[in-house]
Protein backbone atom coordinates (compact mmCIF):
# COMPACT_ATOMS: atom_id res chain seq x y z
CA MET A 1 0.00 0.00 0.00
CA THR A 2 1.27 3.47 -0.92
CA ALA A 3 2.59 5.34 2.12
CA VAL A 4 0.61 8.51 2.90
CA TRP A 5 1.50 11.15 5.46
CA GLY A 6 -0.77 13.95 6.62
CA ILE A 7 0.50 17.52 7.10
CA VAL A 8 -1.44 20.00 9.22
CA VAL A 9 -0.14 23.56 9.63
CA HIS A 10 -1.27 24.96 12.98
CA TYR A 11 -1.72 28.59 13.91
CA GLY A 12 -4.09 30.27 16.36
CA ASP A 13 -6.72 28.45 18.41
CA ALA A 14 -5.87 24.82 19.15
CA ALA A 15 -9.48 23.59 19.00
CA PRO A 16 -9.85 23.47 15.18
CA THR A 17 -6.50 21.70 14.83
CA LEU A 18 -7.50 19.08 17.38
CA ARG A 19 -10.82 18.50 15.56
CA CYS A 20 -8.91 18.11 12.30
CA LEU A 21 -6.53 15.57 13.82
CA LYS A 22 -9.29 13.56 15.49
CA ALA A 23 -11.11 13.26 12.17
CA LEU A 24 -7.88 12.14 10.48
CA VAL A 25 -7.28 9.27 12.89
CA ALA A 26 -10.95 8.23 12.78
CA GLY A 27 -10.97 7.66 9.03
CA ALA A 28 -11.41 4.37 7.25
CA ARG A 29 -7.84 4.81 6.10
CA VAL A 30 -5.55 6.54 8.58
CA PRO A 31 -2.37 8.23 7.33
CA ASP A 32 0.81 6.27 7.95
CA GLY A 33 2.12 9.33 9.78
CA ILE A 34 0.91 12.80 10.69
CA VAL A 35 3.11 15.84 11.17
CA VAL A 36 1.87 19.08 12.70
CA ILE A 37 3.81 22.26 11.97
CA ASP A 38 3.27 24.51 14.98
CA ASN A 39 3.59 28.03 13.60
CA ALA A 40 2.08 29.51 16.75
CA GLY A 41 4.24 27.72 19.32
CA GLY A 42 2.87 25.94 22.35
CA PHE A 43 0.55 23.47 20.59
CA ARG A 44 0.09 20.24 22.50
CA PRO A 45 -1.67 17.28 20.90
CA SER A 46 -4.13 15.68 23.34
CA HIS A 47 -6.05 12.45 23.73
CA GLY A 48 -3.05 10.40 22.66
CA LEU A 49 -3.12 11.68 19.07
CA PRO A 50 -0.19 10.05 17.22
CA VAL A 51 1.51 13.04 15.62
CA ASP A 52 5.03 14.28 15.04
CA LEU A 53 5.32 17.91 16.12
CA VAL A 54 7.66 20.30 14.29
CA THR A 55 8.10 23.76 15.82
CA PRO A 56 9.88 26.24 13.52
CA GLY A 57 10.27 28.82 16.30
CA ARG A 58 8.46 31.47 14.25
CA ASN A 59 5.51 31.74 11.92
CA VAL A 60 6.79 30.48 8.56
CA GLY A 61 3.37 30.76 6.93
CA PHE A 62 1.27 28.08 5.29
CA ALA A 63 3.68 27.55 2.41
CA GLY A 64 6.69 27.33 4.72
CA GLY A 65 4.82 24.92 6.96
CA ILE A 66 4.02 22.65 4.03
CA ALA A 67 7.67 22.68 2.99
CA LEU A 68 8.84 21.70 6.48
CA GLY A 69 6.15 19.06 6.87
CA ALA A 70 6.84 17.55 3.48
CA THR A 71 10.57 17.31 4.18
CA HIS A 72 9.79 15.43 7.40
CA ALA A 73 7.22 13.16 5.73
CA LEU A 74 9.34 12.32 2.69
CA GLU A 75 12.34 11.53 4.91
CA HIS A 76 10.10 9.02 6.71
CA GLY A 77 9.05 7.24 3.51
CA ALA A 78 5.94 9.12 2.38
CA GLU A 79 4.99 8.63 -1.26
CA LEU A 80 1.92 10.85 -1.01
CA VAL A 81 1.45 13.81 1.33
CA TRP A 82 -1.99 15.01 2.37
CA ILE A 83 -1.99 18.73 3.12
CA LEU A 84 -4.84 20.02 5.26
CA ASN A 85 -5.95 23.35 6.62
CA ASN A 86 -6.19 23.03 10.37
CA ASP A 87 -9.92 23.86 10.23
CA ALA A 88 -10.70 21.08 7.73
CA VAL A 89 -12.69 18.06 8.91
CA VAL A 90 -12.36 15.03 6.65
CA ASP A 91 -15.02 12.48 5.81
CA PRO A 92 -13.99 8.98 6.97
CA ALA A 93 -13.78 7.66 3.38
CA CYS A 94 -11.89 10.68 2.02
CA LEU A 95 -8.27 9.54 2.15
CA GLY A 96 -9.00 6.08 0.78
CA LEU A 97 -10.80 7.57 -2.23
CA LEU A 98 -8.06 10.10 -2.89
CA ALA A 99 -5.30 7.50 -2.63
CA ALA A 100 -7.18 5.15 -4.95
CA ALA A 101 -7.54 7.94 -7.51
CA ALA A 102 -3.83 8.70 -7.23
CA GLY A 103 -3.13 5.06 -8.08
CA MET A 104 -5.30 5.21 -11.20
CA GLU A 105 -4.48 8.73 -12.43
CA ARG A 106 -0.71 8.51 -12.77
CA ASP A 107 -0.33 11.99 -14.31
CA ALA A 108 -2.17 13.61 -11.39
CA GLY A 109 0.27 15.45 -9.15
CA PHE A 110 -2.40 17.22 -7.09
CA LEU A 111 -5.71 15.69 -6.01
CA SER A 112 -8.56 17.44 -4.21
CA PRO A 113 -11.74 16.21 -2.59
CA LEU A 114 -14.99 18.11 -2.89
CA VAL A 115 -14.67 20.86 -0.24
CA LEU A 116 -17.91 21.80 1.52
CA TYR A 117 -18.93 24.83 3.55
CA ALA A 118 -19.16 23.93 7.24
CA ASP A 119 -22.26 26.08 7.79
CA SER A 120 -24.35 24.78 4.89
CA GLY A 121 -22.78 21.54 3.60
CA THR A 122 -22.88 22.92 0.04
CA PRO A 123 -19.78 22.85 -2.19
CA TRP A 124 -17.25 25.64 -1.74
CA PHE A 125 -14.65 24.11 -4.09
CA ALA A 126 -15.29 21.59 -6.85
CA GLY A 127 -12.32 22.61 -8.98
CA GLY A 128 -10.88 25.89 -10.14
CA GLU A 129 -9.51 27.77 -13.11
CA VAL A 130 -6.97 30.56 -13.29
CA ASP A 131 -6.16 32.95 -16.11
CA ARG A 132 -2.36 32.99 -16.24
CA GLN A 133 -2.27 36.49 -17.71
CA THR A 134 -4.68 38.28 -15.38
CA LEU A 135 -4.53 35.93 -12.37
CA ALA A 136 -8.32 36.01 -12.23
CA VAL A 137 -9.34 32.91 -10.26
CA HIS A 138 -12.66 31.08 -10.40
CA HIS A 139 -13.93 28.35 -8.07
CA HIS A 140 -16.40 25.82 -9.43
CA THR A 141 -19.16 25.13 -6.93
CA VAL A 142 -20.76 22.28 -8.86
CA PRO A 143 -18.78 19.15 -9.80
CA VAL A 144 -18.20 18.63 -13.51
CA VAL A 145 -19.27 15.02 -13.00
CA TRP A 146 -20.18 13.14 -9.82
CA ASP A 147 -19.14 9.60 -10.63
CA ARG A 148 -15.42 9.86 -11.45
CA PRO A 149 -12.34 12.08 -11.01
CA TYR A 150 -11.94 14.96 -13.45
CA TYR A 151 -9.18 17.38 -14.42
CA THR A 152 -9.21 20.98 -13.27
CA GLY A 153 -6.97 24.06 -13.53
CA PHE A 154 -5.76 23.98 -9.93
CA VAL A 155 -6.74 22.57 -6.55
CA THR A 156 -6.97 24.41 -3.28
CA GLY A 157 -4.41 23.95 -0.54
CA CYS A 158 -7.26 23.38 1.91
CA ALA A 159 -7.11 19.61 1.42
CA MET A 160 -4.77 18.54 -1.38
CA LEU A 161 -3.16 15.14 -1.76
CA VAL A 162 0.22 15.64 -3.44
CA ARG A 163 2.36 13.02 -5.12
CA GLY A 164 5.94 12.86 -3.83
CA GLU A 165 7.14 13.27 -7.40
CA VAL A 166 5.88 16.87 -7.28
CA PHE A 167 8.55 17.78 -4.74
CA GLU A 168 11.24 16.17 -6.87
CA ARG A 169 10.21 17.86 -10.12
CA CYS A 170 8.74 21.18 -8.94
CA GLY A 171 10.09 21.70 -5.45
CA PRO A 172 7.87 22.72 -2.52
CA PRO A 173 5.34 25.57 -2.64
CA ASP A 174 6.87 29.02 -2.86
CA VAL A 175 7.59 30.01 0.75
CA GLY A 176 7.96 33.64 -0.35
CA LEU A 177 4.21 33.76 -0.93
CA PHE A 178 3.76 32.92 2.77
CA MET A 179 0.05 32.15 2.40
CA TYR A 180 -2.54 32.34 -0.38
CA PHE A 181 -1.94 31.63 -4.06
CA GLU A 182 0.87 29.20 -3.21
CA ASP A 183 -1.53 26.43 -4.29
CA VAL A 184 -2.31 28.11 -7.63
CA ASP A 185 1.37 28.70 -8.35
CA TRP A 186 2.31 25.14 -7.34
CA CYS A 187 -0.32 23.58 -9.60
CA LEU A 188 0.77 25.77 -12.51
CA ARG A 189 4.37 24.71 -12.00
CA GLY A 190 3.23 21.10 -11.89
CA ARG A 191 1.26 21.46 -15.10
CA ALA A 192 4.40 22.81 -16.81
CA VAL A 193 6.14 19.46 -16.18
CA GLY A 194 3.12 17.29 -17.00
CA LEU A 195 1.66 16.82 -13.51
CA ARG A 196 -2.03 17.65 -13.58
CA SER A 197 -4.65 18.60 -11.00
CA ILE A 198 -7.81 16.56 -10.46
CA VAL A 199 -10.91 16.62 -8.27
CA VAL A 200 -12.25 13.39 -6.75
CA PRO A 201 -15.92 14.26 -6.14
CA GLY A 202 -16.70 11.16 -4.06
CA ALA A 203 -14.22 12.33 -1.42
CA CYS A 204 -15.40 15.13 0.88
CA VAL A 205 -13.91 17.58 3.37
CA VAL A 206 -15.75 20.22 5.39
CA HIS A 207 -14.00 23.61 5.56
CA ASP A 208 -14.89 26.41 7.98
CA VAL A 209 -15.01 29.23 5.44
CA ALA A 210 -15.78 32.60 7.06
CA ARG A 211 -18.87 34.25 5.59
CA ARG A 212 -21.03 37.27 6.35
CA ARG A 213 -24.49 37.53 4.83
CA GLY A 214 -23.59 34.76 2.41
CA ARG A 215 -20.37 36.39 1.18
CA ARG A 216 -16.89 35.21 2.02
CA VAL A 217 -14.96 37.57 4.28
CA PHE A 218 -11.24 37.76 4.99
CA SER A 219 -9.01 39.08 7.71
CA ARG A 220 -7.04 42.16 6.73
CA ALA A 221 -3.83 40.13 6.74
CA SER A 222 -5.47 37.78 4.24
CA MET A 223 -6.52 40.74 2.10
CA TYR A 224 -2.93 41.92 2.09
CA TYR A 225 -1.47 38.55 1.03
CA MET A 226 -4.13 37.81 -1.58
CA THR A 227 -3.68 41.26 -3.14
CA ARG A 228 0.11 41.17 -3.06
CA ASN A 229 0.47 37.60 -4.25
CA ARG A 230 -1.77 38.07 -7.28
CA LEU A 231 0.66 40.74 -8.48
CA LEU A 232 3.69 38.62 -7.61
CA LEU A 233 2.32 35.77 -9.72
CA GLY A 234 1.35 38.23 -12.42
CA ARG A 235 5.05 39.09 -12.71
CA ARG A 236 5.85 35.38 -12.92
CA TYR A 237 3.31 34.29 -15.50
CA GLY A 238 2.54 37.44 -17.45
CA SER A 239 2.99 40.96 -16.20
CA ARG A 240 2.08 43.16 -13.27
CA CYS A 241 -0.04 45.28 -15.58
CA GLY A 242 -1.93 42.24 -16.81
CA ALA A 243 -2.75 41.14 -13.26
CA LEU A 244 -3.60 44.61 -11.97
CA PRO A 245 -7.28 44.91 -13.12
CA ALA A 246 -8.36 41.60 -11.54
CA THR A 247 -6.38 42.44 -8.42
CA LEU A 248 -8.02 45.84 -8.09
CA ASN A 249 -11.45 44.37 -8.75
CA TRP A 250 -10.99 41.78 -6.00
CA GLY A 251 -9.54 44.30 -3.56
CA LEU A 252 -12.36 46.81 -4.02
CA ARG A 253 -14.92 44.07 -3.42
CA GLN A 254 -13.26 43.35 -0.06
CA VAL A 255 -13.30 47.05 0.84
CA ALA A 256 -17.03 47.17 0.06
CA LYS A 257 -17.71 44.32 2.50
CA GLY A 258 -16.80 46.50 5.49
CA SER A 259 -19.75 46.71 7.87
CA THR A 260 -18.83 50.27 8.87
CA PRO A 261 -16.94 53.11 7.17
CA ALA A 262 -14.07 52.60 9.64
CA GLU A 263 -13.83 48.91 8.77
CA SER A 264 -13.88 49.71 5.06
CA MET A 265 -11.02 52.16 5.56
CA ARG A 266 -8.96 49.54 7.40
CA ASN A 267 -9.68 47.09 4.58
CA MET A 268 -8.56 49.73 2.09
CA ARG A 269 -5.25 50.13 3.93
CA ALA A 270 -4.60 46.38 3.79
CA VAL A 271 -5.39 46.19 0.08
CA THR A 272 -3.33 49.29 -0.69
CA ILE A 273 -0.25 48.00 1.14
CA GLY A 274 -0.67 44.71 -0.71
CA LEU A 275 -0.80 46.55 -4.03
CA VAL A 276 2.34 48.53 -3.25
CA ASP A 277 4.32 45.50 -2.03
CA GLY A 278 3.13 43.33 -4.92
CA TRP A 279 4.04 45.99 -7.47
CA ARG A 280 7.50 46.33 -5.92
CA GLY A 281 8.00 42.55 -5.85
CA ARG A 282 8.22 42.23 -2.05
CA ASN A 283 7.59 38.72 -0.74
CA GLY A 284 7.78 36.89 2.58
CA PRO A 285 5.80 37.73 5.74
CA LEU A 286 4.33 41.10 6.51
CA SER A 287 6.89 43.56 7.82
CA ILE A 288 6.35 44.88 11.33
CA ASP A 289 5.50 48.35 9.99
CA ALA A 290 3.02 47.03 7.43
CA GLY A 291 1.50 44.68 10.00
CA THR A 292 0.67 47.67 12.21
CA PHE A 293 -1.56 49.10 9.48
CA VAL A 294 -3.09 45.78 8.44
CA ALA A 295 -4.03 44.61 11.97
């Protein structure tokens, strides 16, 4: 049987991470190993959960956490690594279905389950497409088909099963992106070397996506990274100018979601700093000065 390791990147409240881990070990197929990257420091697995804990000593972001976790997993014999957001709760059959699809779809480097909203149970992610020139991203919310895996443009880092070959041929996700769009970039790099992305609609994961009045909402730090990283990838795959209209469109939509004028102004600051840093090519975590304005 192909060796599979789970990777969970922890930050913030311990409760979601513990729920994620408990669901992992309760599945019909349990990962051969689980590694938790503790970006917050101080995380303590409870209830005898069998995990390896890696503590970087600082917040290395989601992409950096994946890179550290994958190094640990691959050194311990993993052939597939299952990357999970710490607020994801997996269906018991999920890993078995994903691993079976990986065995059949040999050109699939990245495999995603159907990702469902926690508050409604309806699909949040059933595949996605990205325009390489504009970096406009679209999530499908209805599976293309229900009875078999299908190809898609990219899969979300929320719950992706990744073939070990990806790390050999493409390297890890770009740690300079810190968080957000590292999954899009990684899948595009994989596609360039013939490793495709697929969705396995029979496999399901529930994701606690923050929404307000039916619309997705983001923290201001998330607004910063999503704005900045669109422009960084625009430089990589096309041009900053090509990515700018979609980036502005997305950013202004986030500003408009503010529930008060003061909140909208704070959102505007986060988006503006992201635009400036993305245009200048700055990567990595938020600087202390920028973080003061984005908080």
